[in-house]
């Protein structure tokens, strides 16, 4: 079963909520239920769209909403996307966010140990997935490049310079550009093997692109 961005954001929300002072105090008195994906789906879907329109990482934005409250209380679900009157101020504060070691550790640990269907450890930002290649071939055979690009977050993972399928795709350049806009490091250079995985995570932590950009 594929993992959607909404499911990832829901998991992140529950993880960060459990780190807040308020939730920890409540847990001393009674069990606290996590927010279910069924309840959170429309909220996290709206959050993902809002972040995509502004070209910001939805997971880092979600972390920011907790950090901006100094980890005392979780942000209400209906305030994850700021109101229009407060959006500009919130975005300025987000861009001033410094290093985020807790966020980086969560991302690095979960991505580093993902596995493909062969059981081989792989990184979604760096390595080719055989399953994704099969899906790309199907889309290429039907000239459905836009759909292939639209599923890069959760299914096809976007342009890969070592992919034979991508090498035959007329939309490869556009796909590479769209892929790059979604991450804060030079992901194409990483996939070519020009830079290391660790250096890319350091670049993401500092909010800068790799030297080869």
N, C-alpha and C. Protein backbone atom coordinates (compact mmCIF):
# COMPACT_ATOMS: atom_id res chain seq x y z
N UNK A 1 0.85 -1.20 0.00
CA UNK A 1 0.00 0.00 0.00
C UNK A 1 0.88 1.24 0.00
N UNK A 2 0.60 2.16 -0.91
CA UNK A 2 1.42 3.35 -1.01
C UNK A 2 1.08 4.33 0.11
N UNK A 3 2.07 5.08 0.53
CA UNK A 3 1.87 6.08 1.58
C UNK A 3 1.66 7.44 0.94
N UNK A 4 0.55 8.08 1.25
CA UNK A 4 0.26 9.38 0.70
C UNK A 4 0.90 10.47 1.56
N UNK A 5 1.03 11.67 0.98
CA UNK A 5 1.56 12.78 1.75
C UNK A 5 0.64 13.12 2.92
N UNK A 6 -0.67 12.96 2.74
CA UNK A 6 -1.60 13.21 3.83
C UNK A 6 -1.32 12.28 5.01
N UNK A 7 -1.02 11.01 4.72
CA UNK A 7 -0.72 10.05 5.78
C UNK A 7 0.59 10.42 6.48
N UNK A 8 1.57 10.87 5.70
CA UNK A 8 2.85 11.29 6.28
C UNK A 8 2.66 12.49 7.19
N UNK A 9 1.89 13.46 6.74
CA UNK A 9 1.64 14.66 7.54
C UNK A 9 0.86 14.34 8.80
N UNK A 10 -0.08 13.41 8.70
CA UNK A 10 -0.84 13.00 9.88
C UNK A 10 0.08 12.33 10.89
N UNK A 11 0.97 11.48 10.41
CA UNK A 11 1.95 10.84 11.29
C UNK A 11 2.87 11.87 11.94
N UNK A 12 3.32 12.84 11.15
CA UNK A 12 4.17 13.89 11.69
C UNK A 12 3.43 14.70 12.76
N UNK A 13 2.18 15.03 12.47
CA UNK A 13 1.40 15.83 13.43
C UNK A 13 1.30 15.11 14.77
N UNK A 14 0.98 13.83 14.74
CA UNK A 14 0.87 13.07 15.99
C UNK A 14 2.21 12.95 16.69
N UNK A 15 3.26 12.77 15.91
CA UNK A 15 4.61 12.66 16.49
C UNK A 15 4.98 13.95 17.22
N UNK A 16 4.81 15.08 16.54
CA UNK A 16 5.19 16.36 17.15
C UNK A 16 4.24 16.74 18.28
N UNK A 17 2.98 16.41 18.16
CA UNK A 17 2.04 16.71 19.24
C UNK A 17 2.43 15.99 20.53
N UNK A 18 2.93 14.77 20.37
CA UNK A 18 3.34 14.01 21.55
C UNK A 18 4.58 14.60 22.23
N UNK A 19 5.27 15.52 21.54
CA UNK A 19 6.44 16.17 22.13
C UNK A 19 6.07 17.44 22.91
N UNK A 20 4.84 17.89 22.79
CA UNK A 20 4.45 19.15 23.43
C UNK A 20 4.24 18.96 24.93
N UNK A 21 4.46 20.03 25.67
CA UNK A 21 4.28 20.01 27.12
C UNK A 21 2.84 19.67 27.48
N UNK A 22 1.88 20.25 26.79
CA UNK A 22 0.47 20.05 27.11
C UNK A 22 0.07 18.59 26.96
N UNK A 23 0.45 17.96 25.84
CA UNK A 23 0.09 16.57 25.61
C UNK A 23 0.75 15.66 26.63
N UNK A 24 1.99 15.94 26.96
CA UNK A 24 2.68 15.12 27.95
C UNK A 24 2.02 15.22 29.32
N UNK A 25 1.53 16.41 29.66
CA UNK A 25 0.82 16.57 30.93
C UNK A 25 -0.51 15.80 30.92
N UNK A 26 -1.21 15.86 29.80
CA UNK A 26 -2.48 15.15 29.69
C UNK A 26 -2.30 13.64 29.78
N UNK A 27 -1.20 13.16 29.21
CA UNK A 27 -0.95 11.72 29.22
C UNK A 27 -0.71 11.18 30.63
N UNK A 28 -0.36 12.04 31.55
CA UNK A 28 -0.19 11.62 32.94
C UNK A 28 -1.53 11.33 33.60
N UNK A 29 -2.61 11.88 32.99
CA UNK A 29 -3.94 11.75 33.57
C UNK A 29 -4.79 10.70 32.85
N UNK A 30 -4.62 10.60 31.52
CA UNK A 30 -5.45 9.68 30.75
C UNK A 30 -4.80 9.43 29.39
N UNK A 31 -5.16 8.35 28.73
CA UNK A 31 -4.62 8.10 27.38
C UNK A 31 -5.12 9.15 26.40
N UNK A 32 -4.25 9.53 25.48
CA UNK A 32 -4.60 10.52 24.46
C UNK A 32 -4.57 9.83 23.10
N UNK A 33 -5.67 9.92 22.39
CA UNK A 33 -5.74 9.30 21.08
C UNK A 33 -5.05 10.17 20.03
N UNK A 34 -4.39 9.52 19.10
CA UNK A 34 -3.82 10.24 17.97
C UNK A 34 -4.92 10.71 17.03
N UNK A 35 -4.62 11.73 16.26
CA UNK A 35 -5.54 12.18 15.21
C UNK A 35 -5.56 11.11 14.12
N UNK A 36 -6.72 10.66 13.77
CA UNK A 36 -6.83 9.62 12.74
C UNK A 36 -6.70 10.24 11.35
N UNK A 37 -6.24 9.41 10.41
CA UNK A 37 -6.12 9.88 9.03
C UNK A 37 -7.49 10.22 8.46
N UNK A 38 -8.51 9.47 8.87
CA UNK A 38 -9.87 9.74 8.39
C UNK A 38 -10.30 11.15 8.76
N UNK A 39 -10.00 11.56 9.98
CA UNK A 39 -10.35 12.91 10.43
C UNK A 39 -9.45 13.96 9.80
N UNK A 40 -8.16 13.64 9.70
CA UNK A 40 -7.19 14.62 9.25
C UNK A 40 -7.02 14.75 7.75
N UNK A 41 -7.53 13.78 6.99
CA UNK A 41 -7.30 13.74 5.53
C UNK A 41 -7.60 15.07 4.83
N UNK A 42 -8.81 15.65 4.99
CA UNK A 42 -9.08 16.91 4.26
C UNK A 42 -8.20 18.06 4.72
N UNK A 43 -7.83 18.06 5.98
CA UNK A 43 -6.99 19.14 6.53
C UNK A 43 -5.58 19.04 5.99
N UNK A 44 -5.03 17.84 6.02
CA UNK A 44 -3.66 17.65 5.56
C UNK A 44 -3.57 17.75 4.03
N UNK A 45 -4.63 17.40 3.35
CA UNK A 45 -4.66 17.57 1.90
C UNK A 45 -4.63 19.05 1.55
N UNK A 46 -5.41 19.85 2.28
CA UNK A 46 -5.42 21.30 2.05
C UNK A 46 -4.07 21.91 2.39
N UNK A 47 -3.45 21.42 3.45
CA UNK A 47 -2.13 21.91 3.84
C UNK A 47 -1.10 21.59 2.76
N UNK A 48 -1.15 20.38 2.23
CA UNK A 48 -0.21 19.98 1.20
C UNK A 48 -0.36 20.85 -0.05
N UNK A 49 -1.59 21.14 -0.45
CA UNK A 49 -1.83 22.00 -1.61
C UNK A 49 -1.33 23.43 -1.36
N UNK A 50 -1.61 23.93 -0.18
CA UNK A 50 -1.20 25.30 0.17
C UNK A 50 0.33 25.42 0.12
N UNK A 51 1.02 24.44 0.66
CA UNK A 51 2.49 24.47 0.64
C UNK A 51 3.03 24.33 -0.78
N UNK A 52 2.41 23.48 -1.58
CA UNK A 52 2.87 23.29 -2.95
C UNK A 52 2.74 24.59 -3.75
N UNK A 53 1.66 25.32 -3.53
CA UNK A 53 1.45 26.59 -4.23
C UNK A 53 2.52 27.62 -3.85
N UNK A 54 3.07 27.49 -2.65
CA UNK A 54 4.08 28.46 -2.18
C UNK A 54 5.50 27.88 -2.22
N UNK A 55 5.60 26.66 -2.78
CA UNK A 55 6.90 26.01 -2.98
C UNK A 55 7.66 25.86 -1.66
N UNK A 56 6.97 25.39 -0.64
CA UNK A 56 7.62 25.11 0.64
C UNK A 56 7.35 23.66 1.03
N UNK A 57 8.23 23.11 1.83
CA UNK A 57 8.14 21.72 2.26
C UNK A 57 7.01 21.60 3.29
N UNK A 58 5.95 20.84 3.02
CA UNK A 58 4.84 20.75 3.97
C UNK A 58 5.23 20.13 5.31
N UNK A 59 6.19 19.22 5.29
CA UNK A 59 6.60 18.59 6.55
C UNK A 59 7.39 19.57 7.42
N UNK A 60 8.24 20.37 6.78
CA UNK A 60 9.00 21.36 7.55
C UNK A 60 8.07 22.46 8.05
N UNK A 61 7.07 22.82 7.23
CA UNK A 61 6.10 23.83 7.66
C UNK A 61 5.33 23.34 8.89
N UNK A 62 4.92 22.08 8.87
CA UNK A 62 4.20 21.51 10.00
C UNK A 62 5.06 21.55 11.26
N UNK A 63 6.34 21.19 11.10
CA UNK A 63 7.27 21.28 12.23
C UNK A 63 7.35 22.72 12.74
N UNK A 64 7.41 23.67 11.84
CA UNK A 64 7.49 25.09 12.19
C UNK A 64 6.29 25.53 13.02
N UNK A 65 5.09 25.02 12.69
CA UNK A 65 3.90 25.42 13.41
C UNK A 65 3.97 25.00 14.88
N UNK A 66 4.64 23.88 15.13
CA UNK A 66 4.85 23.45 16.51
C UNK A 66 5.95 24.28 17.16
N UNK A 67 7.07 24.45 16.45
CA UNK A 67 8.21 25.18 17.00
C UNK A 67 7.83 26.62 17.33
N UNK A 68 6.97 27.23 16.53
CA UNK A 68 6.57 28.62 16.75
C UNK A 68 5.74 28.78 18.03
N UNK A 69 5.20 27.67 18.52
CA UNK A 69 4.46 27.68 19.78
C UNK A 69 5.34 27.23 20.94
N UNK A 70 6.64 27.09 20.66
CA UNK A 70 7.62 26.72 21.67
C UNK A 70 7.30 25.38 22.33
N UNK A 71 6.65 24.51 21.59
CA UNK A 71 6.36 23.15 22.01
C UNK A 71 5.50 23.08 23.27
N UNK A 72 4.74 24.14 23.53
CA UNK A 72 3.84 24.11 24.69
C UNK A 72 2.51 23.46 24.33
N UNK A 73 1.94 23.89 23.22
CA UNK A 73 0.66 23.36 22.76
C UNK A 73 0.75 23.02 21.27
N UNK A 74 -0.03 22.01 20.87
CA UNK A 74 -0.11 21.69 19.44
C UNK A 74 -0.97 22.73 18.74
N UNK A 75 -0.63 23.10 17.52
CA UNK A 75 -1.49 24.03 16.78
C UNK A 75 -2.81 23.35 16.44
N UNK A 76 -3.92 24.06 16.53
CA UNK A 76 -5.20 23.47 16.12
C UNK A 76 -5.15 23.05 14.65
N UNK A 77 -5.81 21.98 14.32
CA UNK A 77 -5.78 21.48 12.95
C UNK A 77 -6.26 22.53 11.95
N UNK A 78 -7.26 23.31 12.35
CA UNK A 78 -7.79 24.30 11.41
C UNK A 78 -6.92 25.55 11.31
N UNK A 79 -5.77 25.55 12.01
CA UNK A 79 -4.85 26.67 11.91
C UNK A 79 -3.51 26.29 11.30
N UNK A 80 -3.42 25.05 10.78
CA UNK A 80 -2.17 24.64 10.14
C UNK A 80 -1.91 25.48 8.89
N UNK A 81 -2.96 25.77 8.16
CA UNK A 81 -2.89 26.73 7.05
C UNK A 81 -3.29 28.09 7.62
N UNK A 82 -2.41 29.07 7.59
CA UNK A 82 -2.74 30.37 8.21
C UNK A 82 -3.86 31.09 7.48
N UNK A 83 -4.58 31.91 8.23
CA UNK A 83 -5.63 32.73 7.64
C UNK A 83 -4.97 33.75 6.70
N UNK A 84 -5.67 34.19 5.67
CA UNK A 84 -5.10 35.15 4.71
C UNK A 84 -4.49 36.39 5.37
N UNK A 85 -5.12 36.89 6.43
CA UNK A 85 -4.63 38.11 7.07
C UNK A 85 -3.32 37.91 7.82
N UNK A 86 -3.02 36.64 8.20
CA UNK A 86 -1.78 36.37 8.94
C UNK A 86 -0.76 35.58 8.13
N UNK A 87 -1.09 35.29 6.87
CA UNK A 87 -0.22 34.44 6.05
C UNK A 87 1.16 35.07 5.83
N UNK A 88 1.20 36.34 5.47
CA UNK A 88 2.47 36.98 5.17
C UNK A 88 3.41 36.95 6.38
N UNK A 89 2.87 37.27 7.55
CA UNK A 89 3.68 37.26 8.77
C UNK A 89 4.18 35.85 9.08
N UNK A 90 3.32 34.86 8.89
CA UNK A 90 3.72 33.48 9.17
C UNK A 90 4.82 33.00 8.22
N UNK A 91 4.71 33.38 6.95
CA UNK A 91 5.73 32.98 5.98
C UNK A 91 7.07 33.63 6.26
N UNK A 92 7.05 34.87 6.71
CA UNK A 92 8.30 35.55 7.07
C UNK A 92 8.96 34.82 8.24
N UNK A 93 8.16 34.46 9.25
CA UNK A 93 8.69 33.74 10.40
C UNK A 93 9.23 32.37 10.00
N UNK A 94 8.53 31.71 9.08
CA UNK A 94 8.98 30.40 8.61
C UNK A 94 10.34 30.49 7.95
N UNK A 95 10.54 31.52 7.13
CA UNK A 95 11.80 31.65 6.42
C UNK A 95 12.95 32.05 7.33
N UNK A 96 12.63 32.48 8.54
CA UNK A 96 13.66 32.80 9.52
C UNK A 96 13.98 31.60 10.42
N UNK A 97 13.28 30.50 10.19
CA UNK A 97 13.52 29.30 10.98
C UNK A 97 14.95 28.83 10.80
N UNK A 98 15.64 28.63 11.89
CA UNK A 98 17.04 28.22 11.82
C UNK A 98 17.19 26.72 11.66
N UNK A 99 18.26 26.17 12.21
CA UNK A 99 18.49 24.74 12.11
C UNK A 99 17.45 23.98 12.91
N UNK A 100 17.07 22.82 12.40
CA UNK A 100 16.00 22.03 13.01
C UNK A 100 16.47 20.58 13.17
N UNK A 101 17.35 20.33 14.14
CA UNK A 101 17.92 18.99 14.27
C UNK A 101 16.90 17.89 14.52
N UNK A 102 15.84 18.18 15.29
CA UNK A 102 14.83 17.16 15.55
C UNK A 102 14.12 16.77 14.27
N UNK A 103 13.79 17.76 13.45
CA UNK A 103 13.12 17.51 12.17
C UNK A 103 14.06 16.74 11.24
N UNK A 104 15.30 17.16 11.16
CA UNK A 104 16.26 16.51 10.27
C UNK A 104 16.50 15.07 10.67
N UNK A 105 16.58 14.81 11.97
CA UNK A 105 16.80 13.44 12.45
C UNK A 105 15.62 12.55 12.07
N UNK A 106 14.41 13.09 12.16
CA UNK A 106 13.22 12.29 11.81
C UNK A 106 13.22 11.95 10.32
N UNK A 107 13.49 12.93 9.48
CA UNK A 107 13.51 12.70 8.04
C UNK A 107 14.63 11.73 7.66
N UNK A 108 15.82 11.97 8.19
CA UNK A 108 16.97 11.17 7.80
C UNK A 108 16.81 9.71 8.22
N UNK A 109 16.31 9.50 9.44
CA UNK A 109 16.20 8.13 9.93
C UNK A 109 15.16 7.33 9.16
N UNK A 110 14.05 7.96 8.78
CA UNK A 110 13.00 7.20 8.09
C UNK A 110 13.33 6.98 6.62
N UNK A 111 14.00 7.92 5.98
CA UNK A 111 14.33 7.77 4.57
C UNK A 111 15.49 6.80 4.37
N UNK A 112 16.45 6.85 5.26
CA UNK A 112 17.67 6.06 5.10
C UNK A 112 17.38 4.57 5.04
N UNK A 113 16.32 4.13 5.72
CA UNK A 113 16.08 2.70 5.83
C UNK A 113 14.84 2.22 5.09
N UNK A 114 14.34 3.01 4.16
CA UNK A 114 13.26 2.51 3.32
C UNK A 114 13.78 1.36 2.47
N UNK A 115 12.88 0.45 2.11
CA UNK A 115 13.28 -0.69 1.30
C UNK A 115 12.36 -0.84 0.11
N UNK A 116 12.94 -1.28 -1.00
CA UNK A 116 12.09 -1.54 -2.16
C UNK A 116 11.61 -2.99 -2.12
N UNK A 117 10.92 -3.44 -3.18
CA UNK A 117 10.31 -4.76 -3.15
C UNK A 117 11.33 -5.89 -3.17
N UNK A 118 12.59 -5.61 -3.46
CA UNK A 118 13.61 -6.65 -3.44
C UNK A 118 14.20 -6.82 -2.04
N UNK A 119 13.86 -5.91 -1.12
CA UNK A 119 14.39 -6.00 0.23
C UNK A 119 15.70 -5.27 0.40
N UNK A 120 16.16 -4.59 -0.63
CA UNK A 120 17.44 -3.87 -0.56
C UNK A 120 17.21 -2.46 -0.01
N UNK A 121 18.05 -2.07 0.94
CA UNK A 121 17.93 -0.72 1.50
C UNK A 121 18.14 0.31 0.39
N UNK A 122 17.31 1.36 0.41
CA UNK A 122 17.44 2.38 -0.62
C UNK A 122 16.97 3.70 -0.05
N UNK A 123 17.32 4.76 -0.73
CA UNK A 123 16.89 6.10 -0.33
C UNK A 123 16.04 6.67 -1.45
N UNK A 124 14.85 7.15 -1.12
CA UNK A 124 13.91 7.61 -2.12
C UNK A 124 14.43 8.82 -2.89
N UNK A 125 15.30 9.60 -2.27
CA UNK A 125 15.86 10.78 -2.95
C UNK A 125 17.01 10.42 -3.89
N UNK A 126 17.62 9.28 -3.66
CA UNK A 126 18.85 8.95 -4.40
C UNK A 126 18.70 7.79 -5.38
N UNK A 127 18.05 6.73 -4.96
CA UNK A 127 18.11 5.47 -5.69
C UNK A 127 16.92 5.24 -6.61
N UNK A 128 17.12 4.36 -7.56
CA UNK A 128 16.05 3.96 -8.47
C UNK A 128 15.21 2.87 -7.81
N UNK A 129 13.90 3.01 -7.89
CA UNK A 129 12.98 1.98 -7.41
C UNK A 129 12.50 1.18 -8.60
N UNK A 130 12.63 -0.14 -8.54
CA UNK A 130 12.20 -0.98 -9.66
C UNK A 130 10.69 -0.88 -9.86
N UNK A 131 9.95 -0.75 -8.77
CA UNK A 131 8.50 -0.62 -8.88
C UNK A 131 8.15 0.71 -9.57
N UNK A 132 8.83 1.79 -9.18
CA UNK A 132 8.58 3.09 -9.81
C UNK A 132 8.91 3.05 -11.30
N UNK A 133 9.98 2.34 -11.67
CA UNK A 133 10.35 2.23 -13.07
C UNK A 133 9.27 1.52 -13.89
N UNK A 134 8.66 0.51 -13.29
CA UNK A 134 7.59 -0.21 -13.98
C UNK A 134 6.39 0.70 -14.20
N UNK A 135 6.09 1.52 -13.20
CA UNK A 135 4.96 2.44 -13.33
C UNK A 135 5.26 3.50 -14.39
N UNK A 136 6.50 4.00 -14.39
CA UNK A 136 6.89 4.99 -15.39
C UNK A 136 6.77 4.43 -16.81
N UNK A 137 7.16 3.18 -16.98
CA UNK A 137 7.08 2.55 -18.30
C UNK A 137 5.63 2.51 -18.78
N UNK A 138 4.72 2.23 -17.85
CA UNK A 138 3.30 2.17 -18.21
C UNK A 138 2.79 3.54 -18.65
N UNK A 139 3.18 4.57 -17.91
CA UNK A 139 2.76 5.93 -18.28
C UNK A 139 3.39 6.36 -19.61
N UNK A 140 4.65 5.99 -19.81
CA UNK A 140 5.32 6.37 -21.06
C UNK A 140 4.67 5.69 -22.26
N UNK A 141 4.27 4.45 -22.06
CA UNK A 141 3.65 3.70 -23.16
C UNK A 141 2.34 4.33 -23.61
N UNK A 142 1.66 5.03 -22.71
CA UNK A 142 0.38 5.66 -23.05
C UNK A 142 0.52 7.18 -23.24
N UNK A 143 1.78 7.65 -23.28
CA UNK A 143 2.06 9.09 -23.44
C UNK A 143 1.41 9.94 -22.34
N UNK A 144 1.25 9.35 -21.16
CA UNK A 144 0.60 10.05 -20.06
C UNK A 144 1.65 10.66 -19.14
N UNK A 145 2.46 11.56 -19.70
CA UNK A 145 3.58 12.12 -18.94
C UNK A 145 3.11 13.00 -17.79
N UNK A 146 2.03 13.74 -18.01
CA UNK A 146 1.55 14.62 -16.95
C UNK A 146 1.12 13.83 -15.72
N UNK A 147 0.48 12.71 -15.92
CA UNK A 147 0.07 11.88 -14.79
C UNK A 147 1.29 11.31 -14.08
N UNK A 148 2.28 10.92 -14.85
CA UNK A 148 3.51 10.40 -14.26
C UNK A 148 4.15 11.46 -13.38
N UNK A 149 4.19 12.69 -13.85
CA UNK A 149 4.78 13.79 -13.08
C UNK A 149 3.94 14.12 -11.85
N UNK A 150 2.62 13.98 -11.98
CA UNK A 150 1.74 14.33 -10.86
C UNK A 150 1.86 13.35 -9.71
N UNK A 151 2.42 12.15 -9.97
CA UNK A 151 2.54 11.14 -8.93
C UNK A 151 3.97 11.00 -8.42
N UNK A 152 4.80 12.01 -8.64
CA UNK A 152 6.20 11.87 -8.24
C UNK A 152 6.41 11.84 -6.73
N UNK A 153 5.48 12.40 -5.96
CA UNK A 153 5.67 12.40 -4.52
C UNK A 153 5.46 11.04 -3.89
N UNK A 154 4.52 10.25 -4.43
CA UNK A 154 4.17 9.02 -3.73
C UNK A 154 4.26 7.76 -4.58
N UNK A 155 4.65 7.89 -5.89
CA UNK A 155 4.59 6.71 -6.73
C UNK A 155 5.76 6.60 -7.70
N UNK A 156 6.03 7.64 -8.47
CA UNK A 156 7.06 7.56 -9.50
C UNK A 156 8.38 8.21 -9.09
N UNK A 157 8.35 9.09 -8.11
CA UNK A 157 9.54 9.76 -7.54
C UNK A 157 10.27 10.69 -8.50
N UNK A 158 9.66 10.99 -9.65
CA UNK A 158 10.21 11.99 -10.53
C UNK A 158 11.43 11.57 -11.34
N UNK A 159 11.97 12.53 -12.07
CA UNK A 159 13.09 12.29 -12.98
C UNK A 159 14.30 11.71 -12.27
N UNK A 160 14.89 10.69 -12.92
CA UNK A 160 16.14 10.10 -12.42
C UNK A 160 17.11 9.99 -13.60
N UNK A 161 18.28 10.62 -13.50
CA UNK A 161 19.21 10.62 -14.64
C UNK A 161 19.73 9.23 -15.03
N UNK A 162 19.59 8.24 -14.14
CA UNK A 162 20.05 6.89 -14.45
C UNK A 162 18.91 5.98 -14.92
N UNK A 163 17.72 6.56 -15.03
CA UNK A 163 16.56 5.77 -15.45
C UNK A 163 16.50 5.68 -16.98
N UNK A 164 16.39 4.49 -17.50
CA UNK A 164 16.25 4.31 -18.94
C UNK A 164 14.89 4.82 -19.42
N UNK A 165 13.90 4.72 -18.56
CA UNK A 165 12.57 5.21 -18.92
C UNK A 165 12.59 6.74 -19.02
N UNK A 166 13.16 7.38 -18.03
CA UNK A 166 13.25 8.85 -18.06
C UNK A 166 14.07 9.33 -19.26
N UNK A 167 15.08 8.55 -19.64
CA UNK A 167 15.91 8.92 -20.78
C UNK A 167 15.15 8.94 -22.09
N UNK A 168 14.02 8.23 -22.14
CA UNK A 168 13.21 8.19 -23.36
C UNK A 168 11.99 9.11 -23.29
N UNK A 169 11.81 9.76 -22.15
CA UNK A 169 10.59 10.55 -21.95
C UNK A 169 10.74 11.97 -22.49
N UNK A 170 9.83 12.45 -23.32
CA UNK A 170 9.91 13.81 -23.86
C UNK A 170 9.76 14.89 -22.79
N UNK A 171 9.17 14.51 -21.64
CA UNK A 171 8.94 15.50 -20.58
C UNK A 171 10.02 15.47 -19.50
N UNK A 172 11.14 14.83 -19.79
CA UNK A 172 12.17 14.64 -18.77
C UNK A 172 12.67 15.97 -18.18
N UNK A 173 12.91 16.96 -19.02
CA UNK A 173 13.43 18.25 -18.52
C UNK A 173 12.43 18.94 -17.61
N UNK A 174 11.17 18.95 -18.02
CA UNK A 174 10.14 19.57 -17.19
C UNK A 174 9.97 18.82 -15.87
N UNK A 175 10.06 17.51 -15.93
CA UNK A 175 9.93 16.68 -14.73
C UNK A 175 11.08 16.97 -13.77
N UNK A 176 12.30 17.09 -14.31
CA UNK A 176 13.46 17.38 -13.47
C UNK A 176 13.31 18.73 -12.78
N UNK A 177 12.79 19.70 -13.50
CA UNK A 177 12.59 21.03 -12.92
C UNK A 177 11.54 20.99 -11.81
N UNK A 178 10.46 20.26 -12.04
CA UNK A 178 9.42 20.15 -11.03
C UNK A 178 9.93 19.41 -9.81
N UNK A 179 10.70 18.36 -10.03
CA UNK A 179 11.29 17.59 -8.93
C UNK A 179 12.19 18.47 -8.08
N UNK A 180 13.03 19.27 -8.74
CA UNK A 180 14.00 20.10 -8.01
C UNK A 180 13.30 21.16 -7.17
N UNK A 181 12.19 21.68 -7.66
CA UNK A 181 11.47 22.70 -6.90
C UNK A 181 10.93 22.17 -5.58
N UNK A 182 10.80 20.87 -5.46
CA UNK A 182 10.19 20.30 -4.26
C UNK A 182 11.16 19.95 -3.15
N UNK A 183 12.47 20.11 -3.37
CA UNK A 183 13.44 19.75 -2.32
C UNK A 183 14.50 20.84 -2.19
N UNK A 184 15.05 21.01 -0.97
CA UNK A 184 16.01 22.09 -0.72
C UNK A 184 17.47 21.70 -0.95
N UNK A 185 17.73 20.77 -1.87
CA UNK A 185 19.11 20.42 -2.23
C UNK A 185 19.11 19.94 -3.67
N UNK A 186 20.28 19.76 -4.24
CA UNK A 186 20.37 19.38 -5.66
C UNK A 186 20.12 17.88 -5.80
N UNK A 187 18.86 17.52 -5.95
CA UNK A 187 18.49 16.11 -5.99
C UNK A 187 18.95 15.42 -7.27
N UNK A 188 19.02 16.15 -8.37
CA UNK A 188 19.48 15.54 -9.62
C UNK A 188 20.97 15.20 -9.52
N UNK A 189 21.75 16.10 -8.92
CA UNK A 189 23.18 15.80 -8.70
C UNK A 189 23.35 14.60 -7.79
N UNK A 190 22.49 14.51 -6.77
CA UNK A 190 22.55 13.36 -5.87
C UNK A 190 22.27 12.07 -6.63
N UNK A 191 21.27 12.09 -7.49
CA UNK A 191 20.91 10.90 -8.24
C UNK A 191 21.96 10.54 -9.29
N UNK A 192 22.69 11.54 -9.78
CA UNK A 192 23.79 11.25 -10.72
C UNK A 192 24.98 10.65 -9.99
N UNK A 193 25.08 10.88 -8.68
CA UNK A 193 26.21 10.41 -7.91
C UNK A 193 27.29 11.46 -7.74
N UNK A 194 26.97 12.73 -8.05
CA UNK A 194 27.96 13.81 -7.97
C UNK A 194 28.15 14.32 -6.54
N UNK A 195 27.14 14.15 -5.69
CA UNK A 195 27.24 14.61 -4.29
C UNK A 195 26.76 13.48 -3.40
N UNK A 196 27.12 13.54 -2.12
CA UNK A 196 26.76 12.48 -1.18
C UNK A 196 25.39 12.73 -0.57
N UNK A 197 24.78 11.66 -0.10
CA UNK A 197 23.48 11.77 0.55
C UNK A 197 23.57 12.63 1.80
N UNK A 198 24.60 12.43 2.58
CA UNK A 198 24.72 13.17 3.84
C UNK A 198 24.88 14.67 3.58
N UNK A 199 25.67 15.02 2.56
CA UNK A 199 25.87 16.45 2.27
C UNK A 199 24.56 17.11 1.85
N UNK A 200 23.69 16.35 1.20
CA UNK A 200 22.39 16.90 0.81
C UNK A 200 21.51 17.16 2.02
N UNK A 201 21.55 16.27 3.00
CA UNK A 201 20.76 16.51 4.20
C UNK A 201 21.32 17.67 5.01
N UNK A 202 22.63 17.85 4.98
CA UNK A 202 23.23 19.02 5.63
C UNK A 202 22.77 20.29 4.92
N UNK A 203 22.75 20.26 3.59
CA UNK A 203 22.30 21.42 2.81
C UNK A 203 20.84 21.73 3.11
N UNK A 204 20.02 20.67 3.23
CA UNK A 204 18.60 20.87 3.54
C UNK A 204 18.44 21.47 4.93
N UNK A 205 19.26 21.03 5.87
CA UNK A 205 19.22 21.55 7.23
C UNK A 205 19.54 23.04 7.26
N UNK A 206 20.48 23.45 6.43
CA UNK A 206 20.89 24.86 6.41
C UNK A 206 20.02 25.70 5.50
N UNK A 207 19.12 25.03 4.76
CA UNK A 207 18.23 25.77 3.88
C UNK A 207 18.88 26.23 2.61
N UNK A 208 19.96 25.53 2.18
CA UNK A 208 20.67 25.91 0.97
C UNK A 208 20.75 24.72 0.02
N UNK A 209 21.00 25.00 -1.27
CA UNK A 209 21.20 23.95 -2.26
C UNK A 209 22.66 23.52 -2.27
N UNK A 210 22.88 22.35 -2.84
CA UNK A 210 24.23 21.84 -2.94
C UNK A 210 25.09 22.70 -3.83
N UNK A 211 26.38 22.53 -3.73
CA UNK A 211 27.32 23.38 -4.45
C UNK A 211 27.20 23.26 -5.96
N UNK A 212 26.62 22.13 -6.45
CA UNK A 212 26.56 21.90 -7.88
C UNK A 212 25.32 22.52 -8.51
N UNK A 213 24.46 23.16 -7.70
CA UNK A 213 23.26 23.80 -8.25
C UNK A 213 23.62 24.97 -9.14
